[in-house]
Amino acid sequence: MTGVPVPLPLDPILEKIVAQAKDDLAKRSGISVDQITLVQVQTVTWPDGSLGCPQPGMMYPQVLVDGLLIQLRAKGDVYEYHSGGNRAPFLCKPS
């Protein structure tokens, strides 16, 4: 998987996707969305249906999927959100 950084400012569609990721991280961490900063957004082509975040015991379609890699910073930590196809951004936790 290789990514291409998306320049700022983001277009309205990408802003909405990033906002979804920030909202999710705020709920998970119990902090305000205002305390979450965007590190980077990259357009990527994921190698399969796992969208770069395979889980043990799961099988995924072996097709290329265009999507996004969103990196957010909160409380000094960086969190990766993945999206692709019709899937909303989700927190990718390494297994």
PDB file of N, CA and C in Angstrom:
ATOM      1  N   MET A   1       0.851  -1.163   0.000  1.00  0.00           N
ATOM      2  CA  MET A   1       0.000   0.000   0.000  1.00  0.00           C
ATOM      3  C   MET A   1       0.897   1.226   0.000  1.00  0.00           C
ATOM      4  N   THR A   2       0.662   2.098  -0.928  1.00  0.00           N
ATOM      5  CA  THR A   2       1.362   3.374  -0.949  1.00  0.00           C
ATOM      6  C   THR A   2       0.323   4.467  -0.923  1.00  0.00           C
ATOM      7  N   GLY A   3       0.649   5.550  -0.252  1.00  0.00           N
ATOM      8  CA  GLY A   3      -0.298   6.637  -0.132  1.00  0.00           C
ATOM      9  C   GLY A   3       0.234   7.909  -0.746  1.00  0.00           C
ATOM     10  N   VAL A   4      -0.692   8.777  -1.099  1.00  0.00           N
ATOM     11  CA  VAL A   4      -0.366  10.087  -1.620  1.00  0.00           C
ATOM     12  C   VAL A   4      -1.008  11.111  -0.692  1.00  0.00           C
ATOM     13  N   PRO A   5      -0.205  11.952  -0.015  1.00  0.00           N
ATOM     14  CA  PRO A   5      -0.784  12.954   0.884  1.00  0.00           C
ATOM     15  C   PRO A   5      -1.743  13.886   0.154  1.00  0.00           C
ATOM     16  N   VAL A   6      -2.832  14.194   0.810  1.00  0.00           N
ATOM     17  CA  VAL A   6      -3.826  15.111   0.265  1.00  0.00           C
ATOM     18  C   VAL A   6      -3.490  16.503   0.795  1.00  0.00           C
ATOM     19  N   PRO A   7      -3.349  17.490  -0.102  1.00  0.00           N
ATOM     20  CA  PRO A   7      -3.020  18.840   0.366  1.00  0.00           C
ATOM     21  C   PRO A   7      -4.184  19.495   1.103  1.00  0.00           C
ATOM     22  N   LEU A   8      -3.852  20.392   2.003  1.00  0.00           N
ATOM     23  CA  LEU A   8      -4.858  21.166   2.727  1.00  0.00           C
ATOM     24  C   LEU A   8      -5.078  22.478   1.993  1.00  0.00           C
ATOM     25  N   PRO A   9      -6.231  23.095   2.070  1.00  0.00           N
ATOM     26  CA  PRO A   9      -7.417  22.632   2.775  1.00  0.00           C
ATOM     27  C   PRO A   9      -8.095  21.495   2.017  1.00  0.00           C
ATOM     28  N   LEU A  10      -8.799  20.653   2.774  1.00  0.00           N
ATOM     29  CA  LEU A  10      -9.494  19.513   2.184  1.00  0.00           C
ATOM     30  C   LEU A  10     -10.779  19.968   1.503  1.00  0.00           C
ATOM     31  N   ASP A  11     -11.177  19.210   0.497  1.00  0.00           N
ATOM     32  CA  ASP A  11     -12.464  19.524  -0.130  1.00  0.00           C
ATOM     33  C   ASP A  11     -13.580  19.105   0.826  1.00  0.00           C
ATOM     34  N   PRO A  12     -14.805  19.597   0.624  1.00  0.00           N
ATOM     35  CA  PRO A  12     -15.897  19.328   1.570  1.00  0.00           C
ATOM     36  C   PRO A  12     -16.183  17.845   1.797  1.00  0.00           C
ATOM     37  N   ILE A  13     -16.035  17.012   0.788  1.00  0.00           N
ATOM     38  CA  ILE A  13     -16.296  15.579   0.960  1.00  0.00           C
ATOM     39  C   ILE A  13     -15.267  14.963   1.911  1.00  0.00           C
ATOM     40  N   LEU A  14     -13.991  15.286   1.700  1.00  0.00           N
ATOM     41  CA  LEU A  14     -12.956  14.761   2.589  1.00  0.00           C
ATOM     42  C   LEU A  14     -13.093  15.341   3.991  1.00  0.00           C
ATOM     43  N   GLU A  15     -13.473  16.607   4.094  1.00  0.00           N
ATOM     44  CA  GLU A  15     -13.694  17.224   5.415  1.00  0.00           C
ATOM     45  C   GLU A  15     -14.745  16.436   6.195  1.00  0.00           C
ATOM     46  N   LYS A  16     -15.802  16.020   5.508  1.00  0.00           N
ATOM     47  CA  LYS A  16     -16.879  15.265   6.169  1.00  0.00           C
ATOM     48  C   LYS A  16     -16.354  13.920   6.672  1.00  0.00           C
ATOM     49  N   ILE A  17     -15.537  13.244   5.874  1.00  0.00           N
ATOM     50  CA  ILE A  17     -14.987  11.944   6.279  1.00  0.00           C
ATOM     51  C   ILE A  17     -14.047  12.112   7.471  1.00  0.00           C
ATOM     52  N   VAL A  18     -13.200  13.150   7.439  1.00  0.00           N
ATOM     53  CA  VAL A  18     -12.298  13.423   8.561  1.00  0.00           C
ATOM     54  C   VAL A  18     -13.109  13.760   9.818  1.00  0.00           C
ATOM     55  N   ALA A  19     -14.185  14.512   9.654  1.00  0.00           N
ATOM     56  CA  ALA A  19     -15.046  14.853  10.788  1.00  0.00           C
ATOM     57  C   ALA A  19     -15.649  13.595  11.414  1.00  0.00           C
ATOM     58  N   GLN A  20     -16.027  12.613  10.585  1.00  0.00           N
ATOM     59  CA  GLN A  20     -16.556  11.349  11.118  1.00  0.00           C
ATOM     60  C   GLN A  20     -15.498  10.650  11.967  1.00  0.00           C
ATOM     61  N   ALA A  21     -14.256  10.635  11.477  1.00  0.00           N
ATOM     62  CA  ALA A  21     -13.169   9.995  12.229  1.00  0.00           C
ATOM     63  C   ALA A  21     -12.920  10.735  13.537  1.00  0.00           C
ATOM     64  N   LYS A  22     -12.896  12.066  13.501  1.00  0.00           N
ATOM     65  CA  LYS A  22     -12.685  12.852  14.719  1.00  0.00           C
ATOM     66  C   LYS A  22     -13.800  12.615  15.729  1.00  0.00           C
ATOM     67  N   ASP A  23     -15.051  12.572  15.252  1.00  0.00           N
ATOM     68  CA  ASP A  23     -16.185  12.315  16.143  1.00  0.00           C
ATOM     69  C   ASP A  23     -16.044  10.958  16.819  1.00  0.00           C
ATOM     70  N   ASP A  24     -15.647   9.942  16.044  1.00  0.00           N
ATOM     71  CA  ASP A  24     -15.477   8.604  16.606  1.00  0.00           C
ATOM     72  C   ASP A  24     -14.375   8.603  17.662  1.00  0.00           C
ATOM     73  N   LEU A  25     -13.241   9.231  17.362  1.00  0.00           N
ATOM     74  CA  LEU A  25     -12.133   9.260  18.317  1.00  0.00           C
ATOM     75  C   LEU A  25     -12.514  10.029  19.580  1.00  0.00           C
ATOM     76  N   ALA A  26     -13.264  11.107  19.431  1.00  0.00           N
ATOM     77  CA  ALA A  26     -13.712  11.880  20.591  1.00  0.00           C
ATOM     78  C   ALA A  26     -14.590  11.020  21.499  1.00  0.00           C
ATOM     79  N   LYS A  27     -15.497  10.254  20.911  1.00  0.00           N
ATOM     80  CA  LYS A  27     -16.370   9.379  21.702  1.00  0.00           C
ATOM     81  C   LYS A  27     -15.567   8.290  22.395  1.00  0.00           C
ATOM     82  N   ARG A  28     -14.624   7.694  21.686  1.00  0.00           N
ATOM     83  CA  ARG A  28     -13.810   6.618  22.253  1.00  0.00           C
ATOM     84  C   ARG A  28     -12.915   7.093  23.397  1.00  0.00           C
ATOM     85  N   SER A  29     -12.362   8.300  23.236  1.00  0.00           N
ATOM     86  CA  SER A  29     -11.375   8.776  24.198  1.00  0.00           C
ATOM     87  C   SER A  29     -11.974   9.689  25.269  1.00  0.00           C
ATOM     88  N   GLY A  30     -13.215  10.111  25.077  1.00  0.00           N
ATOM     89  CA  GLY A  30     -13.861  10.975  26.057  1.00  0.00           C
ATOM     90  C   GLY A  30     -13.322  12.396  26.064  1.00  0.00           C
ATOM     91  N   ILE A  31     -12.760  12.836  24.929  1.00  0.00           N
ATOM     92  CA  ILE A  31     -12.270  14.203  24.845  1.00  0.00           C
ATOM     93  C   ILE A  31     -13.070  14.970  23.804  1.00  0.00           C
ATOM     94  N   SER A  32     -12.896  16.273  23.788  1.00  0.00           N
ATOM     95  CA  SER A  32     -13.595  17.119  22.839  1.00  0.00           C
ATOM     96  C   SER A  32     -12.971  16.989  21.453  1.00  0.00           C
ATOM     97  N   VAL A  33     -13.791  17.119  20.437  1.00  0.00           N
ATOM     98  CA  VAL A  33     -13.310  17.095  19.055  1.00  0.00           C
ATOM     99  C   VAL A  33     -12.271  18.197  18.851  1.00  0.00           C
ATOM    100  N   ASP A  34     -12.420  19.303  19.571  1.00  0.00           N
ATOM    101  CA  ASP A  34     -11.483  20.426  19.450  1.00  0.00           C
ATOM    102  C   ASP A  34     -10.070  20.059  19.905  1.00  0.00           C
ATOM    103  N   GLN A  35      -9.930  18.996  20.679  1.00  0.00           N
ATOM    104  CA  GLN A  35      -8.623  18.559  21.169  1.00  0.00           C
ATOM    105  C   GLN A  35      -7.955  17.552  20.231  1.00  0.00           C
ATOM    106  N   ILE A  36      -8.600  17.277  19.104  1.00  0.00           N
ATOM    107  CA  ILE A  36      -8.083  16.317  18.126  1.00  0.00           C
ATOM    108  C   ILE A  36      -7.619  17.097  16.902  1.00  0.00           C
ATOM    109  N   THR A  37      -6.389  16.826  16.473  1.00  0.00           N
ATOM    110  CA  THR A  37      -5.860  17.522  15.305  1.00  0.00           C
ATOM    111  C   THR A  37      -5.600  16.527  14.181  1.00  0.00           C
ATOM    112  N   LEU A  38      -5.745  17.017  12.980  1.00  0.00           N
ATOM    113  CA  LEU A  38      -5.462  16.219  11.797  1.00  0.00           C
ATOM    114  C   LEU A  38      -3.964  16.261  11.535  1.00  0.00           C
ATOM    115  N   VAL A  39      -3.343  15.088  11.480  1.00  0.00           N
ATOM    116  CA  VAL A  39      -1.924  14.989  11.162  1.00  0.00           C
ATOM    117  C   VAL A  39      -1.765  14.940   9.648  1.00  0.00           C
ATOM    118  N   GLN A  40      -2.532  14.036   9.016  1.00  0.00           N
ATOM    119  CA  GLN A  40      -2.381  13.834   7.582  1.00  0.00           C
ATOM    120  C   GLN A  40      -3.535  13.001   7.036  1.00  0.00           C
ATOM    121  N   VAL A  41      -3.866  13.240   5.782  1.00  0.00           N
ATOM    122  CA  VAL A  41      -4.803  12.395   5.034  1.00  0.00           C
ATOM    123  C   VAL A  41      -4.068  11.951   3.785  1.00  0.00           C
ATOM    124  N   GLN A  42      -4.162  10.658   3.486  1.00  0.00           N
ATOM    125  CA  GLN A  42      -3.554  10.121   2.273  1.00  0.00           C
ATOM    126  C   GLN A  42      -4.606   9.354   1.483  1.00  0.00           C
ATOM    127  N   THR A  43      -4.568   9.505   0.173  1.00  0.00           N
ATOM    128  CA  THR A  43      -5.352   8.606  -0.668  1.00  0.00           C
ATOM    129  C   THR A  43      -4.509   7.354  -0.845  1.00  0.00           C
ATOM    130  N   VAL A  44      -5.140   6.204  -0.721  1.00  0.00           N
ATOM    131  CA  VAL A  44      -4.422   4.936  -0.804  1.00  0.00           C
ATOM    132  C   VAL A  44      -5.227   3.946  -1.641  1.00  0.00           C
ATOM    133  N   THR A  45      -4.544   2.919  -2.091  1.00  0.00           N
ATOM    134  CA  THR A  45      -5.208   1.759  -2.673  1.00  0.00           C
ATOM    135  C   THR A  45      -4.856   0.586  -1.783  1.00  0.00           C
ATOM    136  N   TRP A  46      -5.847   0.139  -1.016  1.00  0.00           N
ATOM    137  CA  TRP A  46      -5.633  -0.981  -0.105  1.00  0.00           C
ATOM    138  C   TRP A  46      -5.501  -2.259  -0.922  1.00  0.00           C
ATOM    139  N   PRO A  47      -4.658  -3.208  -0.479  1.00  0.00           N
ATOM    140  CA  PRO A  47      -4.418  -4.422  -1.262  1.00  0.00           C
ATOM    141  C   PRO A  47      -5.556  -5.443  -1.226  1.00  0.00           C
ATOM    142  N   ASP A  48      -6.485  -5.274  -0.274  1.00  0.00           N
ATOM    143  CA  ASP A  48      -7.611  -6.207  -0.184  1.00  0.00           C
ATOM    144  C   ASP A  48      -8.734  -5.576   0.629  1.00  0.00           C
ATOM    145  N   GLY A  49      -9.788  -6.328   0.841  1.00  0.00           N
ATOM    146  CA  GLY A  49     -10.965  -5.842   1.541  1.00  0.00           C
ATOM    147  C   GLY A  49     -10.780  -5.573   3.016  1.00  0.00           C
ATOM    148  N   SER A  50      -9.611  -5.901   3.567  1.00  0.00           N
ATOM    149  CA  SER A  50      -9.364  -5.585   4.985  1.00  0.00           C
ATOM    150  C   SER A  50      -9.076  -4.108   5.177  1.00  0.00           C
ATOM    151  N   LEU A  51      -8.877  -3.396   4.088  1.00  0.00           N
ATOM    152  CA  LEU A  51      -8.565  -1.966   4.105  1.00  0.00           C
ATOM    153  C   LEU A  51      -7.337  -1.667   4.971  1.00  0.00           C
ATOM    154  N   GLY A  52      -6.363  -2.564   4.878  1.00  0.00           N
ATOM    155  CA  GLY A  52      -5.110  -2.360   5.598  1.00  0.00           C
ATOM    156  C   GLY A  52      -5.166  -2.663   7.075  1.00  0.00           C
ATOM    157  N   CYS A  53      -6.247  -3.276   7.512  1.00  0.00           N
ATOM    158  CA  CYS A  53      -6.419  -3.546   8.937  1.00  0.00           C
ATOM    159  C   CYS A  53      -6.991  -4.958   9.142  1.00  0.00           C
ATOM    160  N   PRO A  54      -6.231  -5.975   8.712  1.00  0.00           N
ATOM    161  CA  PRO A  54      -6.755  -7.343   8.813  1.00  0.00           C
ATOM    162  C   PRO A  54      -6.894  -7.794  10.264  1.00  0.00           C
ATOM    163  N   GLN A  55      -7.918  -8.551  10.515  1.00  0.00           N
ATOM    164  CA  GLN A  55      -8.167  -9.103  11.845  1.00  0.00           C
ATOM    165  C   GLN A  55      -7.971 -10.612  11.797  1.00  0.00           C
ATOM    166  N   PRO A  56      -7.428 -11.189  12.874  1.00  0.00           N
ATOM    167  CA  PRO A  56      -7.168 -12.631  12.887  1.00  0.00           C
ATOM    168  C   PRO A  56      -8.440 -13.443  12.627  1.00  0.00           C
ATOM    169  N   GLY A  57      -8.299 -14.481  11.832  1.00  0.00           N
ATOM    170  CA  GLY A  57      -9.402 -15.390  11.567  1.00  0.00           C
ATOM    171  C   GLY A  57     -10.401 -14.905  10.534  1.00  0.00           C
ATOM    172  N   MET A  58     -10.197 -13.722   9.999  1.00  0.00           N
ATOM    173  CA  MET A  58     -11.128 -13.172   9.011  1.00  0.00           C
ATOM    174  C   MET A  58     -10.574 -13.380   7.607  1.00  0.00           C
ATOM    175  N   MET A  59     -11.476 -13.539   6.652  1.00  0.00           N
ATOM    176  CA  MET A  59     -11.083 -13.624   5.244  1.00  0.00           C
ATOM    177  C   MET A  59     -11.624 -12.386   4.544  1.00  0.00           C
ATOM    178  N   TYR A  60     -10.875 -11.903   3.568  1.00  0.00           N
ATOM    179  CA  TYR A  60     -11.234 -10.668   2.891  1.00  0.00           C
ATOM    180  C   TYR A  60     -11.183 -10.849   1.387  1.00  0.00           C
ATOM    181  N   PRO A  61     -12.047 -10.113   0.666  1.00  0.00           N
ATOM    182  CA  PRO A  61     -11.982 -10.171  -0.796  1.00  0.00           C
ATOM    183  C   PRO A  61     -10.600  -9.709  -1.272  1.00  0.00           C
ATOM    184  N   GLN A  62     -10.049 -10.429  -2.204  1.00  0.00           N
ATOM    185  CA  GLN A  62      -8.724 -10.103  -2.725  1.00  0.00           C
ATOM    186  C   GLN A  62      -8.855  -9.189  -3.936  1.00  0.00           C
ATOM    187  N   VAL A  63      -9.274  -7.959  -3.666  1.00  0.00           N
ATOM    188  CA  VAL A  63      -9.427  -6.937  -4.689  1.00  0.00           C
ATOM    189  C   VAL A  63      -8.809  -5.643  -4.188  1.00  0.00           C
ATOM    190  N   LEU A  64      -8.320  -4.837  -5.104  1.00  0.00           N
ATOM    191  CA  LEU A  64      -7.797  -3.528  -4.738  1.00  0.00           C
ATOM    192  C   LEU A  64      -8.961  -2.614  -4.378  1.00  0.00           C
ATOM    193  N   VAL A  65      -8.803  -1.829  -3.297  1.00  0.00           N
ATOM    194  CA  VAL A  65      -9.864  -0.937  -2.844  1.00  0.00           C
ATOM    195  C   VAL A  65      -9.281   0.460  -2.649  1.00  0.00           C
ATOM    196  N   ASP A  66      -9.821   1.437  -3.364  1.00  0.00           N
ATOM    197  CA  ASP A  66      -9.394   2.822  -3.175  1.00  0.00           C
ATOM    198  C   ASP A  66      -9.975   3.345  -1.871  1.00  0.00           C
ATOM    199  N   GLY A  67      -9.157   4.093  -1.133  1.00  0.00           N
ATOM    200  CA  GLY A  67      -9.635   4.606   0.138  1.00  0.00           C
ATOM    201  C   GLY A  67      -8.748   5.693   0.692  1.00  0.00           C
ATOM    202  N   LEU A  68      -8.866   5.881   2.004  1.00  0.00           N
ATOM    203  CA  LEU A  68      -8.130   6.916   2.710  1.00  0.00           C
ATOM    204  C   LEU A  68      -7.444   6.354   3.944  1.00  0.00           C
ATOM    205  N   LEU A  69      -6.315   6.946   4.274  1.00  0.00           N
ATOM    206  CA  LEU A  69      -5.632   6.731   5.547  1.00  0.00           C
ATOM    207  C   LEU A  69      -5.626   8.088   6.229  1.00  0.00           C
ATOM    208  N   ILE A  70      -6.290   8.171   7.378  1.00  0.00           N
ATOM    209  CA  ILE A  70      -6.417   9.425   8.124  1.00  0.00           C
ATOM    210  C   ILE A  70      -5.655   9.262   9.435  1.00  0.00           C
ATOM    211  N   GLN A  71      -4.736  10.170   9.690  1.00  0.00           N
ATOM    212  CA  GLN A  71      -3.982  10.147  10.943  1.00  0.00           C
ATOM    213  C   GLN A  71      -4.414  11.336  11.788  1.00  0.00           C
ATOM    214  N   LEU A  72      -4.838  11.033  13.016  1.00  0.00           N
ATOM    215  CA  LEU A  72      -5.293  12.049  13.963  1.00  0.00           C
ATOM    216  C   LEU A  72      -4.421  12.015  15.206  1.00  0.00           C
ATOM    217  N   ARG A  73      -4.210  13.176  15.821  1.00  0.00           N
ATOM    218  CA  ARG A  73      -3.445  13.253  17.062  1.00  0.00           C
ATOM    219  C   ARG A  73      -4.363  13.713  18.189  1.00  0.00           C
ATOM    220  N   ALA A  74      -4.292  12.975  19.310  1.00  0.00           N
ATOM    221  CA  ALA A  74      -5.044  13.325  20.511  1.00  0.00           C
ATOM    222  C   ALA A  74      -4.214  12.917  21.719  1.00  0.00           C
ATOM    223  N   LYS A  75      -4.075  13.829  22.657  1.00  0.00           N
ATOM    224  CA  LYS A  75      -3.322  13.567  23.891  1.00  0.00           C
ATOM    225  C   LYS A  75      -1.919  13.032  23.594  1.00  0.00           C
ATOM    226  N   GLY A  76      -1.295  13.519  22.540  1.00  0.00           N
ATOM    227  CA  GLY A  76       0.072  13.126  22.216  1.00  0.00           C
ATOM    228  C   GLY A  76       0.210  11.824  21.447  1.00  0.00           C
ATOM    229  N   ASP A  77      -0.888  11.106  21.240  1.00  0.00           N
ATOM    230  CA  ASP A  77      -0.844   9.847  20.493  1.00  0.00           C
ATOM    231  C   ASP A  77      -1.430  10.051  19.097  1.00  0.00           C
ATOM    232  N   VAL A  78      -0.940   9.260  18.136  1.00  0.00           N
ATOM    233  CA  VAL A  78      -1.463   9.311  16.771  1.00  0.00           C
ATOM    234  C   VAL A  78      -2.322   8.073  16.531  1.00  0.00           C
ATOM    235  N   TYR A  79      -3.487   8.296  15.965  1.00  0.00           N
ATOM    236  CA  TYR A  79      -4.448   7.232  15.684  1.00  0.00           C
ATOM    237  C   TYR A  79      -4.674   7.159  14.184  1.00  0.00           C
ATOM    238  N   GLU A  80      -4.764   5.938  13.663  1.00  0.00           N
ATOM    239  CA  GLU A  80      -4.996   5.732  12.239  1.00  0.00           C
ATOM    240  C   GLU A  80      -6.434   5.294  11.987  1.00  0.00           C
ATOM    241  N   TYR A  81      -7.074   6.025  11.100  1.00  0.00           N
ATOM    242  CA  TYR A  81      -8.405   5.656  10.627  1.00  0.00           C
ATOM    243  C   TYR A  81      -8.290   5.273   9.166  1.00  0.00           C
ATOM    244  N   HIS A  82      -8.930   4.166   8.822  1.00  0.00           N
ATOM    245  CA  HIS A  82      -8.905   3.662   7.450  1.00  0.00           C
ATOM    246  C   HIS A  82     -10.320   3.724   6.893  1.00  0.00           C
ATOM    247  N   SER A  83     -10.408   3.943   5.599  1.00  0.00           N
ATOM    248  CA  SER A  83     -11.706   3.860   4.925  1.00  0.00           C
ATOM    249  C   SER A  83     -11.451   3.398   3.502  1.00  0.00           C
ATOM    250  N   GLY A  84     -12.524   2.976   2.862  1.00  0.00           N
ATOM    251  CA  GLY A  84     -12.407   2.535   1.484  1.00  0.00           C
ATOM    252  C   GLY A  84     -13.716   1.970   0.999  1.00  0.00           C
ATOM    253  N   GLY A  85     -13.884   1.979  -0.309  1.00  0.00           N
ATOM    254  CA  GLY A  85     -15.152   1.509  -0.850  1.00  0.00           C
ATOM    255  C   GLY A  85     -16.274   2.349  -0.279  1.00  0.00           C
ATOM    256  N   ASN A  86     -17.278   1.696   0.268  1.00  0.00           N
ATOM    257  CA  ASN A  86     -18.403   2.403   0.892  1.00  0.00           C
ATOM    258  C   ASN A  86     -18.306   2.409   2.402  1.00  0.00           C
ATOM    259  N   ARG A  87     -17.181   1.974   2.953  1.00  0.00           N
ATOM    260  CA  ARG A  87     -17.044   1.872   4.398  1.00  0.00           C
ATOM    261  C   ARG A  87     -16.610   3.214   5.007  1.00  0.00           C
ATOM    262  N   ALA A  88     -17.312   3.604   6.065  1.00  0.00           N
ATOM    263  CA  ALA A  88     -16.970   4.827   6.790  1.00  0.00           C
ATOM    264  C   ALA A  88     -15.614   4.625   7.474  1.00  0.00           C
ATOM    265  N   PRO A  89     -14.949   5.719   7.829  1.00  0.00           N
ATOM    266  CA  PRO A  89     -13.650   5.574   8.488  1.00  0.00           C
ATOM    267  C   PRO A  89     -13.784   4.829   9.816  1.00  0.00           C
ATOM    268  N   PHE A  90     -12.806   3.957  10.084  1.00  0.00           N
ATOM    269  CA  PHE A  90     -12.812   3.191  11.333  1.00  0.00           C
ATOM    270  C   PHE A  90     -11.405   3.192  11.900  1.00  0.00           C
ATOM    271  N   LEU A  91     -11.326   3.112  13.226  1.00  0.00           N
ATOM    272  CA  LEU A  91     -10.039   3.067  13.915  1.00  0.00           C
ATOM    273  C   LEU A  91      -9.380   1.725  13.665  1.00  0.00           C
ATOM    274  N   CYS A  92      -8.181   1.756  13.126  1.00  0.00           N
ATOM    275  CA  CYS A  92      -7.444   0.525  12.870  1.00  0.00           C
ATOM    276  C   CYS A  92      -6.546   0.263  14.065  1.00  0.00           C
ATOM    277  N   LYS A  93      -6.861  -0.800  14.777  1.00  0.00           N
ATOM    278  CA  LYS A  93      -6.035  -1.215  15.912  1.00  0.00           C
ATOM    279  C   LYS A  93      -5.237  -2.427  15.484  1.00  0.00           C
ATOM    280  N   PRO A  94      -3.912  -2.338  15.531  1.00  0.00           N
ATOM    281  CA  PRO A  94      -3.110  -3.506  15.140  1.00  0.00           C
ATOM    282  C   PRO A  94      -3.486  -4.735  15.962  1.00  0.00           C
ATOM    283  N   SER A  95      -3.558  -5.861  15.284  1.00  0.00           N
ATOM    284  CA  SER A  95      -3.928  -7.102  15.993  1.00  0.00           C
ATOM    285  C   SER A  95      -2.704  -7.814  16.504  1.00  0.00           C
TER     286      SER A  95
END
